[in-house]
C-alpha atoms as a PDB file:
ATOM      1  CA  UNK A   1     -27.065  10.174 -24.256  1.00  0.00           C
ATOM      2  CA  UNK A   2     -26.801  10.608 -20.465  1.00  0.00           C
ATOM      3  CA  UNK A   3     -24.154   8.785 -18.497  1.00  0.00           C
ATOM      4  CA  UNK A   4     -25.342   5.953 -16.258  1.00  0.00           C
ATOM      5  CA  UNK A   5     -23.344   7.032 -13.201  1.00  0.00           C
ATOM      6  CA  UNK A   6     -24.517   4.132 -11.054  1.00  0.00           C
ATOM      7  CA  UNK A   7     -23.218   1.574 -13.542  1.00  0.00           C
ATOM      8  CA  UNK A   8     -20.033   3.534 -14.160  1.00  0.00           C
ATOM      9  CA  UNK A   9     -19.241   3.907 -10.462  1.00  0.00           C
ATOM     10  CA  UNK A  10     -20.031   0.255  -9.809  1.00  0.00           C
ATOM     11  CA  UNK A  11     -17.694  -0.797 -12.615  1.00  0.00           C
ATOM     12  CA  UNK A  12     -14.928   1.513 -11.415  1.00  0.00           C
ATOM     13  CA  UNK A  13     -15.446   0.376  -7.820  1.00  0.00           C
ATOM     14  CA  UNK A  14     -15.196  -3.294  -8.758  1.00  0.00           C
ATOM     15  CA  UNK A  15     -12.023  -2.639 -10.738  1.00  0.00           C
ATOM     16  CA  UNK A  16     -10.430  -0.600  -7.936  1.00  0.00           C
ATOM     17  CA  UNK A  17     -11.313  -3.261  -5.355  1.00  0.00           C
ATOM     18  CA  UNK A  18      -9.826  -5.975  -7.562  1.00  0.00           C
ATOM     19  CA  UNK A  19      -6.653  -3.938  -7.904  1.00  0.00           C
ATOM     20  CA  UNK A  20      -6.643  -3.398  -4.132  1.00  0.00           C
ATOM     21  CA  UNK A  21      -6.395  -7.181  -3.781  1.00  0.00           C
ATOM     22  CA  UNK A  22      -3.946  -7.810  -6.625  1.00  0.00           C
ATOM     23  CA  UNK A  23      -1.467  -4.931  -6.328  1.00  0.00           C
ATOM     24  CA  UNK A  24      -0.303  -5.779  -2.782  1.00  0.00           C
ATOM     25  CA  UNK A  25       0.147  -9.418  -3.824  1.00  0.00           C
ATOM     26  CA  UNK A  26       2.224  -8.368  -6.830  1.00  0.00           C
ATOM     27  CA  UNK A  27       4.302  -5.990  -4.706  1.00  0.00           C
ATOM     28  CA  UNK A  28       4.972  -8.782  -2.197  1.00  0.00           C
ATOM     29  CA  UNK A  29       6.456 -11.113  -4.820  1.00  0.00           C
ATOM     30  CA  UNK A  30       9.995 -11.977  -3.685  1.00  0.00           C
ATOM     31  CA  UNK A  31      11.396 -11.768  -7.221  1.00  0.00           C
ATOM     32  CA  UNK A  32       9.820  -8.372  -7.976  1.00  0.00           C
ATOM     33  CA  UNK A  33      12.302  -6.163  -9.799  1.00  0.00           C
ATOM     34  CA  UNK A  34      12.576  -2.404  -9.599  1.00  0.00           C
ATOM     35  CA  UNK A  35      11.380  -2.220 -13.207  1.00  0.00           C
ATOM     36  CA  UNK A  36       8.327  -4.348 -12.358  1.00  0.00           C
ATOM     37  CA  UNK A  37       7.519  -2.179  -9.338  1.00  0.00           C
ATOM     38  CA  UNK A  38       7.954   1.005 -11.363  1.00  0.00           C
ATOM     39  CA  UNK A  39       5.657  -0.329 -14.081  1.00  0.00           C
ATOM     40  CA  UNK A  40       3.041  -1.291 -11.517  1.00  0.00           C
ATOM     41  CA  UNK A  41       3.301   2.143  -9.899  1.00  0.00           C
ATOM     42  CA  UNK A  42       2.888   3.791 -13.294  1.00  0.00           C
ATOM     43  CA  UNK A  43      -0.154   1.639 -14.058  1.00  0.00           C
ATOM     44  CA  UNK A  44      -1.743   2.510 -10.716  1.00  0.00           C
ATOM     45  CA  UNK A  45      -1.019   6.183 -11.383  1.00  0.00           C
ATOM     46  CA  UNK A  46      -2.630   5.983 -14.812  1.00  0.00           C
ATOM     47  CA  UNK A  47      -5.719   4.347 -13.336  1.00  0.00           C
ATOM     48  CA  UNK A  48      -5.905   7.036 -10.645  1.00  0.00           C
ATOM     49  CA  UNK A  49      -5.623   9.788 -13.255  1.00  0.00           C
ATOM     50  CA  UNK A  50      -8.282   8.152 -15.385  1.00  0.00           C
ATOM     51  CA  UNK A  51     -10.611   8.023 -12.407  1.00  0.00           C
ATOM     52  CA  UNK A  52      -9.884  11.681 -11.594  1.00  0.00           C
ATOM     53  CA  UNK A  53     -11.139  12.535 -15.083  1.00  0.00           C
ATOM     54  CA  UNK A  54     -14.338  10.607 -14.363  1.00  0.00           C
ATOM     55  CA  UNK A  55     -14.777  12.503 -11.091  1.00  0.00           C
ATOM     56  CA  UNK A  56     -14.275  15.822 -12.893  1.00  0.00           C
ATOM     57  CA  UNK A  57     -16.938  14.810 -15.396  1.00  0.00           C
ATOM     58  CA  UNK A  58     -19.248  13.892 -12.531  1.00  0.00           C
ATOM     59  CA  UNK A  59     -18.732  17.277 -10.880  1.00  0.00           C
ATOM     60  CA  UNK A  60     -19.797  19.033 -14.046  1.00  0.00           C
ATOM     61  CA  UNK A  61     -23.035  17.073 -13.821  1.00  0.00           C
ATOM     62  CA  UNK A  62     -23.782  18.315 -10.285  1.00  0.00           C
ATOM     63  CA  UNK A  63     -24.779  14.865  -9.074  1.00  0.00           C
ATOM     64  CA  UNK A  64     -26.259  13.787  -5.774  1.00  0.00           C
ATOM     65  CA  UNK A  65     -23.937  13.560  -2.756  1.00  0.00           C
ATOM     66  CA  UNK A  66     -24.236   9.745  -2.753  1.00  0.00           C
ATOM     67  CA  UNK A  67     -22.365   9.654  -6.071  1.00  0.00           C
ATOM     68  CA  UNK A  68     -19.682  11.927  -4.655  1.00  0.00           C
ATOM     69  CA  UNK A  69     -19.249   9.676  -1.622  1.00  0.00           C
ATOM     70  CA  UNK A  70     -18.918   6.606  -3.821  1.00  0.00           C
ATOM     71  CA  UNK A  71     -16.384   8.388  -6.026  1.00  0.00           C
ATOM     72  CA  UNK A  72     -14.404   9.481  -2.951  1.00  0.00           C
ATOM     73  CA  UNK A  73     -14.212   5.881  -1.750  1.00  0.00           C
ATOM     74  CA  UNK A  74     -12.830   4.743  -5.098  1.00  0.00           C
ATOM     75  CA  UNK A  75     -10.394   7.667  -5.133  1.00  0.00           C
ATOM     76  CA  UNK A  76      -9.099   6.636  -1.699  1.00  0.00           C
ATOM     77  CA  UNK A  77      -8.390   3.139  -3.010  1.00  0.00           C
ATOM     78  CA  UNK A  78      -6.311   4.560  -5.879  1.00  0.00           C
ATOM     79  CA  UNK A  79      -4.517   6.939  -3.523  1.00  0.00           C
ATOM     80  CA  UNK A  80      -3.656   4.117  -1.122  1.00  0.00           C
ATOM     81  CA  UNK A  81      -2.422   1.910  -3.966  1.00  0.00           C
ATOM     82  CA  UNK A  82      -0.323   4.741  -5.351  1.00  0.00           C
ATOM     83  CA  UNK A  83       1.308   5.290  -1.964  1.00  0.00           C
ATOM     84  CA  UNK A  84       1.880   1.572  -1.481  1.00  0.00           C
ATOM     85  CA  UNK A  85       3.470   1.113  -4.897  1.00  0.00           C
ATOM     86  CA  UNK A  86       5.608   4.261  -4.558  1.00  0.00           C
ATOM     87  CA  UNK A  87       6.891   3.024  -1.211  1.00  0.00           C
ATOM     88  CA  UNK A  88       7.801  -0.337  -2.753  1.00  0.00           C
ATOM     89  CA  UNK A  89       9.714   1.350  -5.577  1.00  0.00           C
ATOM     90  CA  UNK A  90      11.657   3.419  -3.019  1.00  0.00           C
ATOM     91  CA  UNK A  91      12.360   0.339  -0.906  1.00  0.00           C
ATOM     92  CA  UNK A  92      13.693  -1.564  -3.904  1.00  0.00           C
ATOM     93  CA  UNK A  93      15.817   1.372  -5.021  1.00  0.00           C
ATOM     94  CA  UNK A  94      17.407   1.748  -1.584  1.00  0.00           C
ATOM     95  CA  UNK A  95      16.998  -1.441   0.455  1.00  0.00           C
ATOM     96  CA  UNK A  96      19.554  -0.380   3.107  1.00  0.00           C
ATOM     97  CA  UNK A  97      17.009   1.388   5.394  1.00  0.00           C
ATOM     98  CA  UNK A  98      14.742  -1.663   5.265  1.00  0.00           C
ATOM     99  CA  UNK A  99      17.614  -3.954   6.258  1.00  0.00           C
ATOM    100  CA  UNK A 100      18.654  -1.598   9.040  1.00  0.00           C
ATOM    101  CA  UNK A 101      15.110  -1.435  10.392  1.00  0.00           C
ATOM    102  CA  UNK A 102      14.830  -5.216  10.293  1.00  0.00           C
ATOM    103  CA  UNK A 103      18.122  -5.651  12.118  1.00  0.00           C
ATOM    104  CA  UNK A 104      17.049  -3.501  15.077  1.00  0.00           C
END
Protein backbone atom coordinates (compact mmCIF):
# COMPACT_ATOMS: atom_id res chain seq x y z
CA UNK A 1 0.00 0.00 0.00
CA UNK A 2 1.51 3.36 -1.01
CA UNK A 3 2.26 6.00 1.57
CA UNK A 4 0.02 9.07 1.58
CA UNK A 5 2.86 11.60 1.79
CA UNK A 6 0.55 14.61 1.87
CA UNK A 7 -1.27 13.32 4.94
CA UNK A 8 1.95 12.18 6.58
CA UNK A 9 3.71 15.51 6.05
CA UNK A 10 0.66 17.43 7.23
CA UNK A 11 0.51 15.34 10.40
CA UNK A 12 4.24 15.73 11.04
CA UNK A 13 4.04 19.46 10.30
CA UNK A 14 1.18 19.97 12.74
CA UNK A 15 3.04 18.05 15.43
CA UNK A 16 6.29 19.97 14.87
CA UNK A 17 4.45 23.30 14.93
CA UNK A 18 2.71 22.34 18.17
CA UNK A 19 6.05 21.43 19.68
CA UNK A 20 7.48 24.72 18.41
CA UNK A 21 4.88 26.47 20.57
CA UNK A 22 5.11 24.19 23.61
CA UNK A 23 8.84 23.52 23.95
CA UNK A 24 9.86 27.18 24.42
CA UNK A 25 7.11 27.59 27.02
CA UNK A 26 8.34 24.51 28.89
CA UNK A 27 11.95 25.70 28.71
CA UNK A 28 10.93 29.10 30.10
CA UNK A 29 9.35 27.61 33.24
CA UNK A 30 11.13 29.16 36.24
CA UNK A 31 11.18 25.88 38.16
CA UNK A 32 12.58 23.83 35.26
CA UNK A 33 15.24 21.44 36.52
CA UNK A 34 18.29 20.24 34.64
CA UNK A 35 16.74 16.77 34.53
CA UNK A 36 13.53 18.20 33.03
CA UNK A 37 15.50 20.15 30.42
CA UNK A 38 17.61 17.11 29.56
CA UNK A 39 14.49 14.97 29.16
CA UNK A 40 12.89 17.58 26.93
CA UNK A 41 16.06 17.81 24.85
CA UNK A 42 16.14 14.03 24.51
CA UNK A 43 12.49 13.97 23.45
CA UNK A 44 13.09 16.66 20.84
CA UNK A 45 16.11 14.71 19.59
CA UNK A 46 14.07 11.53 19.31
CA UNK A 47 11.38 13.35 17.35
CA UNK A 48 14.02 14.84 15.04
CA UNK A 49 15.55 11.41 14.45
CA UNK A 50 12.15 9.91 13.77
CA UNK A 51 11.46 12.60 11.21
CA UNK A 52 14.87 12.03 9.59
CA UNK A 53 13.82 8.41 9.04
CA UNK A 54 10.64 9.64 7.34
CA UNK A 55 12.69 11.94 5.11
CA UNK A 56 15.00 9.06 4.18
CA UNK A 57 11.96 6.99 3.25
CA UNK A 58 10.66 9.87 1.16
CA UNK A 59 13.96 10.16 -0.70
CA UNK A 60 13.79 6.52 -1.67
CA UNK A 61 10.43 7.30 -3.25
CA UNK A 62 11.87 10.08 -5.45
CA UNK A 63 9.01 12.44 -4.69
CA UNK A 64 8.20 15.82 -6.14
CA UNK A 65 10.24 18.82 -4.95
CA UNK A 66 7.19 20.23 -3.12
CA UNK A 67 7.34 17.28 -0.71
CA UNK A 68 11.05 17.88 -0.18
CA UNK A 69 10.43 21.55 0.60
CA UNK A 70 7.73 20.67 3.10
CA UNK A 71 9.99 18.09 4.74
CA UNK A 72 12.84 20.63 4.92
CA UNK A 73 10.57 23.10 6.71
CA UNK A 74 9.63 20.49 9.31
CA UNK A 75 13.29 19.49 9.67
CA UNK A 76 14.22 23.12 10.37
CA UNK A 77 11.66 23.24 13.18
CA UNK A 78 13.20 20.16 14.82
CA UNK A 79 16.70 21.54 14.34
CA UNK A 80 15.75 24.86 15.93
CA UNK A 81 14.06 23.11 18.86
CA UNK A 82 17.07 20.88 19.36
CA UNK A 83 19.38 23.89 19.48
CA UNK A 84 17.06 25.75 21.83
CA UNK A 85 16.74 22.84 24.24
CA UNK A 86 20.49 22.08 24.15
CA UNK A 87 21.23 25.71 24.97
CA UNK A 88 18.83 25.58 27.92
CA UNK A 89 20.49 22.43 29.27
CA UNK A 90 23.90 24.13 29.03
CA UNK A 91 22.58 27.27 30.71
CA UNK A 92 21.13 25.26 33.59
CA UNK A 93 24.32 23.24 33.98
CA UNK A 94 26.48 26.36 34.15
CA UNK A 95 24.39 29.42 35.02
CA UNK A 96 27.44 31.61 35.80
CA UNK A 97 27.86 32.95 32.21
CA UNK A 98 24.17 33.85 32.09
CA UNK A 99 24.44 35.77 35.36
CA UNK A 100 27.58 37.52 34.19
CA UNK A 101 25.94 38.53 30.92
CA UNK A 102 22.90 39.84 32.77
CA UNK A 103 25.05 41.85 35.16
CA UNK A 104 26.82 43.74 32.37
